[in-house]
Amino acid sequence: MTTSSVVAALMLHNQSCSQCRMGEPCVVTERILDEWLHRQAAAQVEASTSAWPAEDAA
């Protein structure tokens, strides 16, 4: 999920959610953000592990 798709998902949700329109906390918004943060962290871990040099089989 890219940053722009997260923003689009949040904007779409905020238009239809009465809690979000009133500025109140919303479980769905938190879930969207948590999923995005989890994917970002997983992508960083994957990028850092793929950058490690491979061990030589000696």
PDB file of N, CA and C in Angstrom:
ATOM      1  N   MET A   1       0.855  -1.166   0.000  1.00  0.00           N
ATOM      2  CA  MET A   1       0.000   0.000   0.000  1.00  0.00           C
ATOM      3  C   MET A   1       0.902   1.232   0.000  1.00  0.00           C
ATOM      4  N   THR A   2       0.782   2.053  -1.002  1.00  0.00           N
ATOM      5  CA  THR A   2       1.612   3.244  -1.095  1.00  0.00           C
ATOM      6  C   THR A   2       1.015   4.363  -0.259  1.00  0.00           C
ATOM      7  N   THR A   3       1.814   5.386  -0.047  1.00  0.00           N
ATOM      8  CA  THR A   3       1.340   6.528   0.741  1.00  0.00           C
ATOM      9  C   THR A   3       0.114   7.155   0.100  1.00  0.00           C
ATOM     10  N   SER A   4       0.131   7.298  -1.225  1.00  0.00           N
ATOM     11  CA  SER A   4      -1.014   7.918  -1.898  1.00  0.00           C
ATOM     12  C   SER A   4      -2.275   7.063  -1.776  1.00  0.00           C
ATOM     13  N   SER A   5      -2.123   5.725  -1.785  1.00  0.00           N
ATOM     14  CA  SER A   5      -3.305   4.881  -1.644  1.00  0.00           C
ATOM     15  C   SER A   5      -3.843   4.927  -0.216  1.00  0.00           C
ATOM     16  N   VAL A   6      -2.956   5.106   0.762  1.00  0.00           N
ATOM     17  CA  VAL A   6      -3.405   5.253   2.151  1.00  0.00           C
ATOM     18  C   VAL A   6      -4.184   6.548   2.305  1.00  0.00           C
ATOM     19  N   VAL A   7      -3.657   7.607   1.727  1.00  0.00           N
ATOM     20  CA  VAL A   7      -4.348   8.906   1.794  1.00  0.00           C
ATOM     21  C   VAL A   7      -5.715   8.799   1.121  1.00  0.00           C
ATOM     22  N   ALA A   8      -5.771   8.147  -0.041  1.00  0.00           N
ATOM     23  CA  ALA A   8      -7.043   7.982  -0.746  1.00  0.00           C
ATOM     24  C   ALA A   8      -8.028   7.168   0.088  1.00  0.00           C
ATOM     25  N   ALA A   9      -7.547   6.080   0.708  1.00  0.00           N
ATOM     26  CA  ALA A   9      -8.418   5.242   1.544  1.00  0.00           C
ATOM     27  C   ALA A   9      -8.942   6.025   2.740  1.00  0.00           C
ATOM     28  N   LEU A  10      -8.076   6.808   3.355  1.00  0.00           N
ATOM     29  CA  LEU A  10      -8.511   7.603   4.511  1.00  0.00           C
ATOM     30  C   LEU A  10      -9.503   8.686   4.103  1.00  0.00           C
ATOM     31  N   MET A  11      -9.247   9.336   2.984  1.00  0.00           N
ATOM     32  CA  MET A  11     -10.172  10.376   2.516  1.00  0.00           C
ATOM     33  C   MET A  11     -11.547   9.789   2.212  1.00  0.00           C
ATOM     34  N   LEU A  12     -11.563   8.646   1.532  1.00  0.00           N
ATOM     35  CA  LEU A  12     -12.823   7.995   1.209  1.00  0.00           C
ATOM     36  C   LEU A  12     -13.562   7.590   2.479  1.00  0.00           C
ATOM     37  N   HIS A  13     -12.824   7.014   3.428  1.00  0.00           N
ATOM     38  CA  HIS A  13     -13.452   6.615   4.689  1.00  0.00           C
ATOM     39  C   HIS A  13     -13.976   7.836   5.451  1.00  0.00           C
ATOM     40  N   ASN A  14     -13.178   8.881   5.524  1.00  0.00           N
ATOM     41  CA  ASN A  14     -13.572  10.068   6.286  1.00  0.00           C
ATOM     42  C   ASN A  14     -14.843  10.713   5.740  1.00  0.00           C
ATOM     43  N   GLN A  15     -15.073  10.594   4.439  1.00  0.00           N
ATOM     44  CA  GLN A  15     -16.286  11.161   3.846  1.00  0.00           C
ATOM     45  C   GLN A  15     -17.536  10.416   4.296  1.00  0.00           C
ATOM     46  N   SER A  16     -17.407   9.134   4.561  1.00  0.00           N
ATOM     47  CA  SER A  16     -18.580   8.328   4.896  1.00  0.00           C
ATOM     48  C   SER A  16     -18.727   8.033   6.383  1.00  0.00           C
ATOM     49  N   CYS A  17     -17.724   8.377   7.188  1.00  0.00           N
ATOM     50  CA  CYS A  17     -17.754   8.042   8.611  1.00  0.00           C
ATOM     51  C   CYS A  17     -18.137   9.268   9.444  1.00  0.00           C
ATOM     52  N   SER A  18     -19.236   9.157  10.162  1.00  0.00           N
ATOM     53  CA  SER A  18     -19.693  10.291  10.967  1.00  0.00           C
ATOM     54  C   SER A  18     -18.719  10.611  12.101  1.00  0.00           C
ATOM     55  N   GLN A  19     -18.083   9.570  12.663  1.00  0.00           N
ATOM     56  CA  GLN A  19     -17.106   9.813  13.735  1.00  0.00           C
ATOM     57  C   GLN A  19     -15.927  10.618  13.216  1.00  0.00           C
ATOM     58  N   CYS A  20     -15.424  10.237  12.046  1.00  0.00           N
ATOM     59  CA  CYS A  20     -14.276  10.943  11.473  1.00  0.00           C
ATOM     60  C   CYS A  20     -14.635  12.382  11.095  1.00  0.00           C
ATOM     61  N   ARG A  21     -15.830  12.560  10.549  1.00  0.00           N
ATOM     62  CA  ARG A  21     -16.254  13.919  10.177  1.00  0.00           C
ATOM     63  C   ARG A  21     -16.327  14.817  11.396  1.00  0.00           C
ATOM     64  N   MET A  22     -16.625  14.244  12.562  1.00  0.00           N
ATOM     65  CA  MET A  22     -16.716  15.027  13.798  1.00  0.00           C
ATOM     66  C   MET A  22     -15.364  15.136  14.499  1.00  0.00           C
ATOM     67  N   GLY A  23     -14.344  14.490  13.953  1.00  0.00           N
ATOM     68  CA  GLY A  23     -13.011  14.555  14.540  1.00  0.00           C
ATOM     69  C   GLY A  23     -12.809  13.606  15.706  1.00  0.00           C
ATOM     70  N   GLU A  24     -13.675  12.611  15.830  1.00  0.00           N
ATOM     71  CA  GLU A  24     -13.561  11.640  16.921  1.00  0.00           C
ATOM     72  C   GLU A  24     -12.698  10.455  16.483  1.00  0.00           C
ATOM     73  N   PRO A  25     -12.092   9.754  17.435  1.00  0.00           N
ATOM     74  CA  PRO A  25     -11.301   8.563  17.086  1.00  0.00           C
ATOM     75  C   PRO A  25     -12.174   7.506  16.415  1.00  0.00           C
ATOM     76  N   CYS A  26     -11.580   6.797  15.463  1.00  0.00           N
ATOM     77  CA  CYS A  26     -12.323   5.792  14.705  1.00  0.00           C
ATOM     78  C   CYS A  26     -11.449   4.549  14.559  1.00  0.00           C
ATOM     79  N   VAL A  27     -12.022   3.385  14.840  1.00  0.00           N
ATOM     80  CA  VAL A  27     -11.296   2.120  14.772  1.00  0.00           C
ATOM     81  C   VAL A  27     -10.866   1.818  13.332  1.00  0.00           C
ATOM     82  N   VAL A  28     -11.701   2.124  12.371  1.00  0.00           N
ATOM     83  CA  VAL A  28     -11.374   1.831  10.972  1.00  0.00           C
ATOM     84  C   VAL A  28     -10.165   2.654  10.524  1.00  0.00           C
ATOM     85  N   THR A  29     -10.135   3.919  10.872  1.00  0.00           N
ATOM     86  CA  THR A  29      -9.003   4.780  10.530  1.00  0.00           C
ATOM     87  C   THR A  29      -7.733   4.249  11.179  1.00  0.00           C
ATOM     88  N   GLU A  30      -7.829   3.857  12.439  1.00  0.00           N
ATOM     89  CA  GLU A  30      -6.661   3.301  13.127  1.00  0.00           C
ATOM     90  C   GLU A  30      -6.187   2.026  12.443  1.00  0.00           C
ATOM     91  N   ARG A  31      -7.107   1.186  11.989  1.00  0.00           N
ATOM     92  CA  ARG A  31      -6.742  -0.051  11.308  1.00  0.00           C
ATOM     93  C   ARG A  31      -6.039   0.236   9.976  1.00  0.00           C
ATOM     94  N   ILE A  32      -6.527   1.221   9.222  1.00  0.00           N
ATOM     95  CA  ILE A  32      -5.893   1.595   7.959  1.00  0.00           C
ATOM     96  C   ILE A  32      -4.470   2.072   8.207  1.00  0.00           C
ATOM     97  N   LEU A  33      -4.293   2.925   9.202  1.00  0.00           N
ATOM     98  CA  LEU A  33      -2.957   3.447   9.511  1.00  0.00           C
ATOM     99  C   LEU A  33      -2.035   2.358  10.048  1.00  0.00           C
ATOM    100  N   ASP A  34      -2.554   1.497  10.917  1.00  0.00           N
ATOM    101  CA  ASP A  34      -1.738   0.407  11.464  1.00  0.00           C
ATOM    102  C   ASP A  34      -1.272  -0.547  10.372  1.00  0.00           C
ATOM    103  N   GLU A  35      -2.181  -0.864   9.442  1.00  0.00           N
ATOM    104  CA  GLU A  35      -1.818  -1.765   8.341  1.00  0.00           C
ATOM    105  C   GLU A  35      -0.730  -1.131   7.483  1.00  0.00           C
ATOM    106  N   TRP A  36      -0.853   0.158   7.208  1.00  0.00           N
ATOM    107  CA  TRP A  36       0.144   0.857   6.404  1.00  0.00           C
ATOM    108  C   TRP A  36       1.496   0.878   7.118  1.00  0.00           C
ATOM    109  N   LEU A  37       1.489   1.188   8.413  1.00  0.00           N
ATOM    110  CA  LEU A  37       2.738   1.210   9.173  1.00  0.00           C
ATOM    111  C   LEU A  37       3.388  -0.173   9.210  1.00  0.00           C
ATOM    112  N   HIS A  38       2.573  -1.209   9.362  1.00  0.00           N
ATOM    113  CA  HIS A  38       3.087  -2.581   9.382  1.00  0.00           C
ATOM    114  C   HIS A  38       3.737  -2.922   8.038  1.00  0.00           C
ATOM    115  N   ARG A  39       3.087  -2.556   6.957  1.00  0.00           N
ATOM    116  CA  ARG A  39       3.646  -2.834   5.625  1.00  0.00           C
ATOM    117  C   ARG A  39       4.926  -2.034   5.385  1.00  0.00           C
ATOM    118  N   GLN A  40       4.963  -0.792   5.861  1.00  0.00           N
ATOM    119  CA  GLN A  40       6.168   0.021   5.707  1.00  0.00           C
ATOM    120  C   GLN A  40       7.333  -0.614   6.471  1.00  0.00           C
ATOM    121  N   ALA A  41       7.072  -1.060   7.680  1.00  0.00           N
ATOM    122  CA  ALA A  41       8.125  -1.688   8.488  1.00  0.00           C
ATOM    123  C   ALA A  41       8.595  -2.982   7.843  1.00  0.00           C
ATOM    124  N   ALA A  42       7.669  -3.773   7.338  1.00  0.00           N
ATOM    125  CA  ALA A  42       8.039  -5.031   6.684  1.00  0.00           C
ATOM    126  C   ALA A  42       8.870  -4.764   5.434  1.00  0.00           C
ATOM    127  N   ALA A  43       8.530  -3.734   4.691  1.00  0.00           N
ATOM    128  CA  ALA A  43       9.284  -3.389   3.486  1.00  0.00           C
ATOM    129  C   ALA A  43      10.695  -2.944   3.839  1.00  0.00           C
ATOM    130  N   GLN A  44      10.845  -2.202   4.935  1.00  0.00           N
ATOM    131  CA  GLN A  44      12.173  -1.758   5.361  1.00  0.00           C
ATOM    132  C   GLN A  44      13.018  -2.939   5.806  1.00  0.00           C
ATOM    133  N   VAL A  45      12.425  -3.879   6.532  1.00  0.00           N
ATOM    134  CA  VAL A  45      13.158  -5.063   6.974  1.00  0.00           C
ATOM    135  C   VAL A  45      13.594  -5.874   5.758  1.00  0.00           C
ATOM    136  N   GLU A  46      12.687  -6.047   4.811  1.00  0.00           N
ATOM    137  CA  GLU A  46      13.006  -6.807   3.609  1.00  0.00           C
ATOM    138  C   GLU A  46      14.125  -6.130   2.816  1.00  0.00           C
ATOM    139  N   ALA A  47      14.071  -4.818   2.711  1.00  0.00           N
ATOM    140  CA  ALA A  47      15.097  -4.085   1.977  1.00  0.00           C
ATOM    141  C   ALA A  47      16.447  -4.183   2.674  1.00  0.00           C
ATOM    142  N   SER A  48      16.445  -4.140   4.001  1.00  0.00           N
ATOM    143  CA  SER A  48      17.721  -4.200   4.717  1.00  0.00           C
ATOM    144  C   SER A  48      18.309  -5.607   4.712  1.00  0.00           C
ATOM    145  N   THR A  49      17.463  -6.634   4.737  1.00  0.00           N
ATOM    146  CA  THR A  49      17.992  -7.997   4.721  1.00  0.00           C
ATOM    147  C   THR A  49      18.471  -8.379   3.331  1.00  0.00           C
ATOM    148  N   SER A  50      17.859  -7.834   2.296  1.00  0.00           N
ATOM    149  CA  SER A  50      18.313  -8.158   0.947  1.00  0.00           C
ATOM    150  C   SER A  50      19.612  -7.428   0.618  1.00  0.00           C
ATOM    151  N   ALA A  51      19.951  -6.401   1.377  1.00  0.00           N
ATOM    152  CA  ALA A  51      21.185  -5.654   1.150  1.00  0.00           C
ATOM    153  C   ALA A  51      22.386  -6.309   1.824  1.00  0.00           C
ATOM    154  N   TRP A  52      22.139  -7.262   2.728  1.00  0.00           N
ATOM    155  CA  TRP A  52      23.232  -7.949   3.407  1.00  0.00           C
ATOM    156  C   TRP A  52      23.960  -8.847   2.430  1.00  0.00           C
ATOM    157  N   PRO A  53      25.261  -8.908   2.522  1.00  0.00           N
ATOM    158  CA  PRO A  53      26.004  -9.792   1.618  1.00  0.00           C
ATOM    159  C   PRO A  53      25.713 -11.260   1.937  1.00  0.00           C
ATOM    160  N   ALA A  54      25.688 -12.053   0.917  1.00  0.00           N
ATOM    161  CA  ALA A  54      25.429 -13.490   1.100  1.00  0.00           C
ATOM    162  C   ALA A  54      26.687 -14.159   1.661  1.00  0.00           C
ATOM    163  N   GLU A  55      26.452 -15.159   2.501  1.00  0.00           N
ATOM    164  CA  GLU A  55      27.583 -15.883   3.072  1.00  0.00           C
ATOM    165  C   GLU A  55      28.174 -16.815   2.007  1.00  0.00           C
ATOM    166  N   ASP A  56      29.490 -16.891   1.984  1.00  0.00           N
ATOM    167  CA  ASP A  56      30.163 -17.809   1.048  1.00  0.00           C
ATOM    168  C   ASP A  56      30.103 -19.213   1.604  1.00  0.00           C
ATOM    169  N   ALA A  57      29.762 -20.161   0.767  1.00  0.00           N
ATOM    170  CA  ALA A  57      29.749 -21.556   1.180  1.00  0.00           C
ATOM    171  C   ALA A  57      31.166 -22.109   0.972  1.00  0.00           C
ATOM    172  N   ALA A  58      31.893 -22.205   2.061  1.00  0.00           N
ATOM    173  CA  ALA A  58      33.281 -22.641   1.932  1.00  0.00           C
ATOM    174  C   ALA A  58      33.484 -24.044   2.447  1.00  0.00           C
TER     175      ALA A  58
END
